[in-house]
Amino acid sequence: MTLDQLDVGMSAAVVSIGPGGHGDRLMEMGLIPGTQVRIIRRGAWHGPLQVSLRGAILCIGANEAKTVTIGALNTHDDS
């Protein structure tokens, strides 16, 4: 499963970042294997995702999110 497929309020752990031009930039922003991420909000019509990780909030384009493989899904967060 990839980050763009995660529903709002769900969390997961990053497993890997796929090849492509965005991989290095995403890892520099903190999306490295083992990092817990949570989807806060989605833009309309497959727009950017607002993602919470390590106390920061990032906006990631949907195409970039497709390159992030995730695993270990958690249920919806009530906060």
PDB file of N, CA and C in Angstrom:
ATOM      1  N   MET A   1       0.846  -1.171   0.000  1.00  0.00           N
ATOM      2  CA  MET A   1       0.000   0.000   0.000  1.00  0.00           C
ATOM      3  C   MET A   1       0.895   1.239   0.000  1.00  0.00           C
ATOM      4  N   THR A   2       0.420   2.305  -0.620  1.00  0.00           N
ATOM      5  CA  THR A   2       1.202   3.536  -0.674  1.00  0.00           C
ATOM      6  C   THR A   2       0.523   4.642   0.126  1.00  0.00           C
ATOM      7  N   LEU A   3       1.271   5.680   0.443  1.00  0.00           N
ATOM      8  CA  LEU A   3       0.788   6.757   1.294  1.00  0.00           C
ATOM      9  C   LEU A   3      -0.459   7.439   0.728  1.00  0.00           C
ATOM     10  N   ASP A   4      -0.558   7.554  -0.572  1.00  0.00           N
ATOM     11  CA  ASP A   4      -1.727   8.216  -1.176  1.00  0.00           C
ATOM     12  C   ASP A   4      -3.016   7.417  -0.981  1.00  0.00           C
ATOM     13  N   GLN A   5      -2.930   6.146  -0.618  1.00  0.00           N
ATOM     14  CA  GLN A   5      -4.101   5.291  -0.421  1.00  0.00           C
ATOM     15  C   GLN A   5      -4.610   5.309   1.025  1.00  0.00           C
ATOM     16  N   LEU A   6      -3.895   5.963   1.918  1.00  0.00           N
ATOM     17  CA  LEU A   6      -4.260   6.001   3.324  1.00  0.00           C
ATOM     18  C   LEU A   6      -5.394   7.006   3.534  1.00  0.00           C
ATOM     19  N   ASP A   7      -6.390   6.634   4.325  1.00  0.00           N
ATOM     20  CA  ASP A   7      -7.527   7.508   4.610  1.00  0.00           C
ATOM     21  C   ASP A   7      -7.160   8.562   5.650  1.00  0.00           C
ATOM     22  N   VAL A   8      -7.903   9.659   5.651  1.00  0.00           N
ATOM     23  CA  VAL A   8      -7.716  10.720   6.636  1.00  0.00           C
ATOM     24  C   VAL A   8      -7.921  10.148   8.040  1.00  0.00           C
ATOM     25  N   GLY A   9      -7.016  10.482   8.948  1.00  0.00           N
ATOM     26  CA  GLY A   9      -7.084   9.996  10.322  1.00  0.00           C
ATOM     27  C   GLY A   9      -6.361   8.694  10.558  1.00  0.00           C
ATOM     28  N   MET A  10      -5.930   8.026   9.499  1.00  0.00           N
ATOM     29  CA  MET A  10      -5.223   6.753   9.645  1.00  0.00           C
ATOM     30  C   MET A  10      -3.718   7.008   9.771  1.00  0.00           C
ATOM     31  N   SER A  11      -3.034   6.094  10.447  1.00  0.00           N
ATOM     32  CA  SER A  11      -1.587   6.156  10.578  1.00  0.00           C
ATOM     33  C   SER A  11      -0.964   4.880  10.061  1.00  0.00           C
ATOM     34  N   ALA A  12       0.282   4.994   9.689  1.00  0.00           N
ATOM     35  CA  ALA A  12       1.035   3.844   9.198  1.00  0.00           C
ATOM     36  C   ALA A  12       2.523   4.141   9.336  1.00  0.00           C
ATOM     37  N   ALA A  13       3.326   3.117   9.168  1.00  0.00           N
ATOM     38  CA  ALA A  13       4.775   3.269   9.196  1.00  0.00           C
ATOM     39  C   ALA A  13       5.304   3.258   7.767  1.00  0.00           C
ATOM     40  N   VAL A  14       6.272   4.111   7.505  1.00  0.00           N
ATOM     41  CA  VAL A  14       6.921   4.134   6.199  1.00  0.00           C
ATOM     42  C   VAL A  14       7.787   2.890   6.070  1.00  0.00           C
ATOM     43  N   VAL A  15       7.631   2.185   4.953  1.00  0.00           N
ATOM     44  CA  VAL A  15       8.432   0.988   4.693  1.00  0.00           C
ATOM     45  C   VAL A  15       9.587   1.333   3.762  1.00  0.00           C
ATOM     46  N   SER A  16       9.286   2.060   2.682  1.00  0.00           N
ATOM     47  CA  SER A  16      10.333   2.439   1.733  1.00  0.00           C
ATOM     48  C   SER A  16       9.874   3.606   0.878  1.00  0.00           C
ATOM     49  N   ILE A  17      10.849   4.252   0.251  1.00  0.00           N
ATOM     50  CA  ILE A  17      10.586   5.333  -0.698  1.00  0.00           C
ATOM     51  C   ILE A  17      11.040   4.809  -2.050  1.00  0.00           C
ATOM     52  N   GLY A  18      10.136   4.830  -3.018  1.00  0.00           N
ATOM     53  CA  GLY A  18      10.449   4.301  -4.340  1.00  0.00           C
ATOM     54  C   GLY A  18      11.422   5.177  -5.106  1.00  0.00           C
ATOM     55  N   PRO A  19      11.930   4.638  -6.202  1.00  0.00           N
ATOM     56  CA  PRO A  19      12.847   5.413  -7.031  1.00  0.00           C
ATOM     57  C   PRO A  19      12.120   6.576  -7.691  1.00  0.00           C
ATOM     58  N   GLY A  20      12.880   7.564  -8.048  1.00  0.00           N
ATOM     59  CA  GLY A  20      12.292   8.728  -8.701  1.00  0.00           C
ATOM     60  C   GLY A  20      12.938   9.996  -8.178  1.00  0.00           C
ATOM     61  N   GLY A  21      12.604  11.100  -8.778  1.00  0.00           N
ATOM     62  CA  GLY A  21      13.204  12.377  -8.420  1.00  0.00           C
ATOM     63  C   GLY A  21      12.819  12.883  -7.051  1.00  0.00           C
ATOM     64  N   HIS A  22      11.715  12.399  -6.479  1.00  0.00           N
ATOM     65  CA  HIS A  22      11.242  12.928  -5.208  1.00  0.00           C
ATOM     66  C   HIS A  22      11.801  12.188  -4.004  1.00  0.00           C
ATOM     67  N   GLY A  23      12.361  11.017  -4.196  1.00  0.00           N
ATOM     68  CA  GLY A  23      12.779  10.177  -3.080  1.00  0.00           C
ATOM     69  C   GLY A  23      13.736  10.842  -2.115  1.00  0.00           C
ATOM     70  N   ASP A  24      14.786  11.458  -2.634  1.00  0.00           N
ATOM     71  CA  ASP A  24      15.772  12.104  -1.763  1.00  0.00           C
ATOM     72  C   ASP A  24      15.147  13.252  -0.988  1.00  0.00           C
ATOM     73  N   ARG A  25      14.324  14.039  -1.651  1.00  0.00           N
ATOM     74  CA  ARG A  25      13.691  15.190  -0.998  1.00  0.00           C
ATOM     75  C   ARG A  25      12.744  14.730   0.109  1.00  0.00           C
ATOM     76  N   LEU A  26      11.971  13.679  -0.160  1.00  0.00           N
ATOM     77  CA  LEU A  26      11.054  13.155   0.857  1.00  0.00           C
ATOM     78  C   LEU A  26      11.820  12.642   2.071  1.00  0.00           C
ATOM     79  N   MET A  27      12.937  11.972   1.842  1.00  0.00           N
ATOM     80  CA  MET A  27      13.735  11.465   2.959  1.00  0.00           C
ATOM     81  C   MET A  27      14.361  12.616   3.739  1.00  0.00           C
ATOM     82  N   GLU A  28      14.764  13.692   3.064  1.00  0.00           N
ATOM     83  CA  GLU A  28      15.303  14.863   3.757  1.00  0.00           C
ATOM     84  C   GLU A  28      14.245  15.521   4.633  1.00  0.00           C
ATOM     85  N   MET A  29      12.969  15.397   4.256  1.00  0.00           N
ATOM     86  CA  MET A  29      11.875  15.972   5.040  1.00  0.00           C
ATOM     87  C   MET A  29      11.482  15.069   6.206  1.00  0.00           C
ATOM     88  N   GLY A  30      12.079  13.886   6.325  1.00  0.00           N
ATOM     89  CA  GLY A  30      11.824  13.006   7.456  1.00  0.00           C
ATOM     90  C   GLY A  30      11.072  11.729   7.140  1.00  0.00           C
ATOM     91  N   LEU A  31      10.679  11.528   5.894  1.00  0.00           N
ATOM     92  CA  LEU A  31       9.985  10.294   5.522  1.00  0.00           C
ATOM     93  C   LEU A  31      11.024   9.210   5.253  1.00  0.00           C
ATOM     94  N   ILE A  32      11.454   8.573   6.329  1.00  0.00           N
ATOM     95  CA  ILE A  32      12.429   7.494   6.212  1.00  0.00           C
ATOM     96  C   ILE A  32      11.789   6.222   6.750  1.00  0.00           C
ATOM     97  N   PRO A  33      12.274   5.048   6.333  1.00  0.00           N
ATOM     98  CA  PRO A  33      11.692   3.791   6.807  1.00  0.00           C
ATOM     99  C   PRO A  33      11.614   3.743   8.332  1.00  0.00           C
ATOM    100  N   GLY A  34      10.448   3.308   8.822  1.00  0.00           N
ATOM    101  CA  GLY A  34      10.208   3.202  10.251  1.00  0.00           C
ATOM    102  C   GLY A  34       9.472   4.395  10.846  1.00  0.00           C
ATOM    103  N   THR A  35       9.400   5.504  10.122  1.00  0.00           N
ATOM    104  CA  THR A  35       8.723   6.697  10.620  1.00  0.00           C
ATOM    105  C   THR A  35       7.215   6.505  10.604  1.00  0.00           C
ATOM    106  N   GLN A  36       6.558   6.870  11.697  1.00  0.00           N
ATOM    107  CA  GLN A  36       5.092   6.800  11.796  1.00  0.00           C
ATOM    108  C   GLN A  36       4.513   8.071  11.174  1.00  0.00           C
ATOM    109  N   VAL A  37       3.549   7.919  10.275  1.00  0.00           N
ATOM    110  CA  VAL A  37       2.896   9.057   9.624  1.00  0.00           C
ATOM    111  C   VAL A  37       1.383   8.957   9.815  1.00  0.00           C
ATOM    112  N   ARG A  38       0.707  10.118   9.808  1.00  0.00           N
ATOM    113  CA  ARG A  38      -0.752  10.154   9.922  1.00  0.00           C
ATOM    114  C   ARG A  38      -1.276  11.177   8.931  1.00  0.00           C
ATOM    115  N   ILE A  39      -2.311  10.812   8.192  1.00  0.00           N
ATOM    116  CA  ILE A  39      -2.930  11.716   7.234  1.00  0.00           C
ATOM    117  C   ILE A  39      -3.867  12.646   7.997  1.00  0.00           C
ATOM    118  N   ILE A  40      -3.655  13.938   7.859  1.00  0.00           N
ATOM    119  CA  ILE A  40      -4.485  14.932   8.533  1.00  0.00           C
ATOM    120  C   ILE A  40      -5.593  15.427   7.600  1.00  0.00           C
ATOM    121  N   ARG A  41      -5.232  15.693   6.357  1.00  0.00           N
ATOM    122  CA  ARG A  41      -6.193  16.269   5.431  1.00  0.00           C
ATOM    123  C   ARG A  41      -5.774  15.933   4.002  1.00  0.00           C
ATOM    124  N   ARG A  42      -6.758  15.885   3.108  1.00  0.00           N
ATOM    125  CA  ARG A  42      -6.513  15.656   1.682  1.00  0.00           C
ATOM    126  C   ARG A  42      -7.044  16.832   0.885  1.00  0.00           C
ATOM    127  N   GLY A  43      -6.314  17.217  -0.145  1.00  0.00           N
ATOM    128  CA  GLY A  43      -6.802  18.240  -1.056  1.00  0.00           C
ATOM    129  C   GLY A  43      -7.859  17.649  -1.979  1.00  0.00           C
ATOM    130  N   ALA A  44      -8.699  18.507  -2.508  1.00  0.00           N
ATOM    131  CA  ALA A  44      -9.753  18.059  -3.428  1.00  0.00           C
ATOM    132  C   ALA A  44      -9.151  17.543  -4.736  1.00  0.00           C
ATOM    133  N   TRP A  45      -9.844  16.619  -5.361  1.00  0.00           N
ATOM    134  CA  TRP A  45      -9.477  16.067  -6.667  1.00  0.00           C
ATOM    135  C   TRP A  45      -8.037  15.577  -6.706  1.00  0.00           C
ATOM    136  N   HIS A  46      -7.700  14.728  -5.760  1.00  0.00           N
ATOM    137  CA  HIS A  46      -6.358  14.127  -5.677  1.00  0.00           C
ATOM    138  C   HIS A  46      -5.277  15.185  -5.497  1.00  0.00           C
ATOM    139  N   GLY A  47      -5.595  16.199  -4.714  1.00  0.00           N
ATOM    140  CA  GLY A  47      -4.635  17.260  -4.405  1.00  0.00           C
ATOM    141  C   GLY A  47      -3.631  16.796  -3.372  1.00  0.00           C
ATOM    142  N   PRO A  48      -2.873  17.727  -2.818  1.00  0.00           N
ATOM    143  CA  PRO A  48      -1.832  17.367  -1.848  1.00  0.00           C
ATOM    144  C   PRO A  48      -2.398  16.784  -0.564  1.00  0.00           C
ATOM    145  N   LEU A  49      -1.566  16.025   0.116  1.00  0.00           N
ATOM    146  CA  LEU A  49      -1.909  15.431   1.408  1.00  0.00           C
ATOM    147  C   LEU A  49      -1.205  16.218   2.500  1.00  0.00           C
ATOM    148  N   GLN A  50      -1.901  16.445   3.601  1.00  0.00           N
ATOM    149  CA  GLN A  50      -1.282  17.034   4.772  1.00  0.00           C
ATOM    150  C   GLN A  50      -0.977  15.874   5.705  1.00  0.00           C
ATOM    151  N   VAL A  51       0.303  15.699   6.026  1.00  0.00           N
ATOM    152  CA  VAL A  51       0.782  14.536   6.765  1.00  0.00           C
ATOM    153  C   VAL A  51       1.491  14.981   8.033  1.00  0.00           C
ATOM    154  N   SER A  52       1.197  14.308   9.143  1.00  0.00           N
ATOM    155  CA  SER A  52       1.866  14.583  10.402  1.00  0.00           C
ATOM    156  C   SER A  52       2.919  13.504  10.651  1.00  0.00           C
ATOM    157  N   LEU A  53       4.142  13.928  10.995  1.00  0.00           N
ATOM    158  CA  LEU A  53       5.199  12.993  11.347  1.00  0.00           C
ATOM    159  C   LEU A  53       6.220  13.679  12.228  1.00  0.00           C
ATOM    160  N   ARG A  54       6.667  12.994  13.254  1.00  0.00           N
ATOM    161  CA  ARG A  54       7.714  13.484  14.157  1.00  0.00           C
ATOM    162  C   ARG A  54       7.466  14.903  14.652  1.00  0.00           C
ATOM    163  N   GLY A  55       6.215  15.247  14.928  1.00  0.00           N
ATOM    164  CA  GLY A  55       5.897  16.568  15.450  1.00  0.00           C
ATOM    165  C   GLY A  55       5.819  17.662  14.397  1.00  0.00           C
ATOM    166  N   ALA A  56       5.938  17.309  13.137  1.00  0.00           N
ATOM    167  CA  ALA A  56       5.864  18.284  12.045  1.00  0.00           C
ATOM    168  C   ALA A  56       4.682  17.952  11.147  1.00  0.00           C
ATOM    169  N   ILE A  57       4.247  18.931  10.390  1.00  0.00           N
ATOM    170  CA  ILE A  57       3.193  18.720   9.408  1.00  0.00           C
ATOM    171  C   ILE A  57       3.753  19.069   8.037  1.00  0.00           C
ATOM    172  N   LEU A  58       3.629  18.125   7.107  1.00  0.00           N
ATOM    173  CA  LEU A  58       4.127  18.311   5.747  1.00  0.00           C
ATOM    174  C   LEU A  58       2.974  18.259   4.761  1.00  0.00           C
ATOM    175  N   CYS A  59       3.113  18.983   3.679  1.00  0.00           N
ATOM    176  CA  CYS A  59       2.181  18.855   2.557  1.00  0.00           C
ATOM    177  C   CYS A  59       2.938  18.147   1.444  1.00  0.00           C
ATOM    178  N   ILE A  60       2.373  17.042   0.984  1.00  0.00           N
ATOM    179  CA  ILE A  60       3.019  16.211  -0.019  1.00  0.00           C
ATOM    180  C   ILE A  60       2.071  16.031  -1.187  1.00  0.00           C
ATOM    181  N   GLY A  61       2.571  16.241  -2.387  1.00  0.00           N
ATOM    182  CA  GLY A  61       1.756  16.041  -3.576  1.00  0.00           C
ATOM    183  C   GLY A  61       1.323  14.592  -3.711  1.00  0.00           C
ATOM    184  N   ALA A  62       0.162  14.387  -4.331  1.00  0.00           N
ATOM    185  CA  ALA A  62      -0.371  13.031  -4.487  1.00  0.00           C
ATOM    186  C   ALA A  62       0.587  12.139  -5.270  1.00  0.00           C
ATOM    187  N   ASN A  63       1.229  12.681  -6.299  1.00  0.00           N
ATOM    188  CA  ASN A  63       2.171  11.875  -7.080  1.00  0.00           C
ATOM    189  C   ASN A  63       3.391  11.490  -6.262  1.00  0.00           C
ATOM    190  N   GLU A  64       3.845  12.381  -5.399  1.00  0.00           N
ATOM    191  CA  GLU A  64       4.965  12.050  -4.517  1.00  0.00           C
ATOM    192  C   GLU A  64       4.552  10.974  -3.521  1.00  0.00           C
ATOM    193  N   ALA A  65       3.322  11.084  -2.989  1.00  0.00           N
ATOM    194  CA  ALA A  65       2.828  10.130  -1.995  1.00  0.00           C
ATOM    195  C   ALA A  65       2.721   8.720  -2.573  1.00  0.00           C
ATOM    196  N   LYS A  66       2.543   8.615  -3.877  1.00  0.00           N
ATOM    197  CA  LYS A  66       2.460   7.293  -4.515  1.00  0.00           C
ATOM    198  C   LYS A  66       3.782   6.547  -4.470  1.00  0.00           C
ATOM    199  N   THR A  67       4.886   7.246  -4.232  1.00  0.00           N
ATOM    200  CA  THR A  67       6.193   6.601  -4.198  1.00  0.00           C
ATOM    201  C   THR A  67       6.563   6.108  -2.799  1.00  0.00           C
ATOM    202  N   VAL A  68       5.733   6.426  -1.793  1.00  0.00           N
ATOM    203  CA  VAL A  68       6.016   6.045  -0.402  1.00  0.00           C
ATOM    204  C   VAL A  68       5.223   4.792  -0.046  1.00  0.00           C
ATOM    205  N   THR A  69       5.920   3.688   0.163  1.00  0.00           N
ATOM    206  CA  THR A  69       5.279   2.431   0.556  1.00  0.00           C
ATOM    207  C   THR A  69       5.119   2.434   2.073  1.00  0.00           C
ATOM    208  N   ILE A  70       3.914   2.051   2.524  1.00  0.00           N
ATOM    209  CA  ILE A  70       3.631   2.046   3.960  1.00  0.00           C
ATOM    210  C   ILE A  70       3.173   0.666   4.400  1.00  0.00           C
ATOM    211  N   GLY A  71       3.218   0.433   5.697  1.00  0.00           N
ATOM    212  CA  GLY A  71       2.754  -0.815   6.270  1.00  0.00           C
ATOM    213  C   GLY A  71       2.334  -0.594   7.706  1.00  0.00           C
ATOM    214  N   ALA A  72       1.909  -1.630   8.390  1.00  0.00           N
ATOM    215  CA  ALA A  72       1.514  -1.592   9.802  1.00  0.00           C
ATOM    216  C   ALA A  72       0.460  -0.520  10.047  1.00  0.00           C
ATOM    217  N   LEU A  73      -0.680  -0.646   9.392  1.00  0.00           N
ATOM    218  CA  LEU A  73      -1.755   0.332   9.535  1.00  0.00           C
ATOM    219  C   LEU A  73      -2.335   0.339  10.931  1.00  0.00           C
ATOM    220  N   ASN A  74      -2.696   1.519  11.399  1.00  0.00           N
ATOM    221  CA  ASN A  74      -3.385   1.689  12.669  1.00  0.00           C
ATOM    222  C   ASN A  74      -4.787   2.224  12.393  1.00  0.00           C
ATOM    223  N   THR A  75      -5.678   2.044  13.331  1.00  0.00           N
ATOM    224  CA  THR A  75      -7.051   2.507  13.154  1.00  0.00           C
ATOM    225  C   THR A  75      -7.131   4.017  13.224  1.00  0.00           C
ATOM    226  N   HIS A  76      -8.299   4.556  12.899  1.00  0.00           N
ATOM    227  CA  HIS A  76      -8.508   6.000  12.913  1.00  0.00           C
ATOM    228  C   HIS A  76      -8.139   6.576  14.255  1.00  0.00           C
ATOM    229  N   ASP A  77      -7.525   7.748  14.213  1.00  0.00           N
ATOM    230  CA  ASP A  77      -7.136   8.455  15.416  1.00  0.00           C
ATOM    231  C   ASP A  77      -8.282   9.360  15.853  1.00  0.00           C
ATOM    232  N   ASP A  78      -8.606   9.392  17.135  1.00  0.00           N
ATOM    233  CA  ASP A  78      -9.725  10.189  17.621  1.00  0.00           C
ATOM    234  C   ASP A  78      -9.357  11.633  17.902  1.00  0.00           C
ATOM    235  N   SER A  79      -8.089  12.000  17.805  1.00  0.00           N
ATOM    236  CA  SER A  79      -7.694  13.371  18.118  1.00  0.00           C
ATOM    237  C   SER A  79      -7.851  14.295  16.936  1.00  0.00           C
TER     238      SER A  79
END
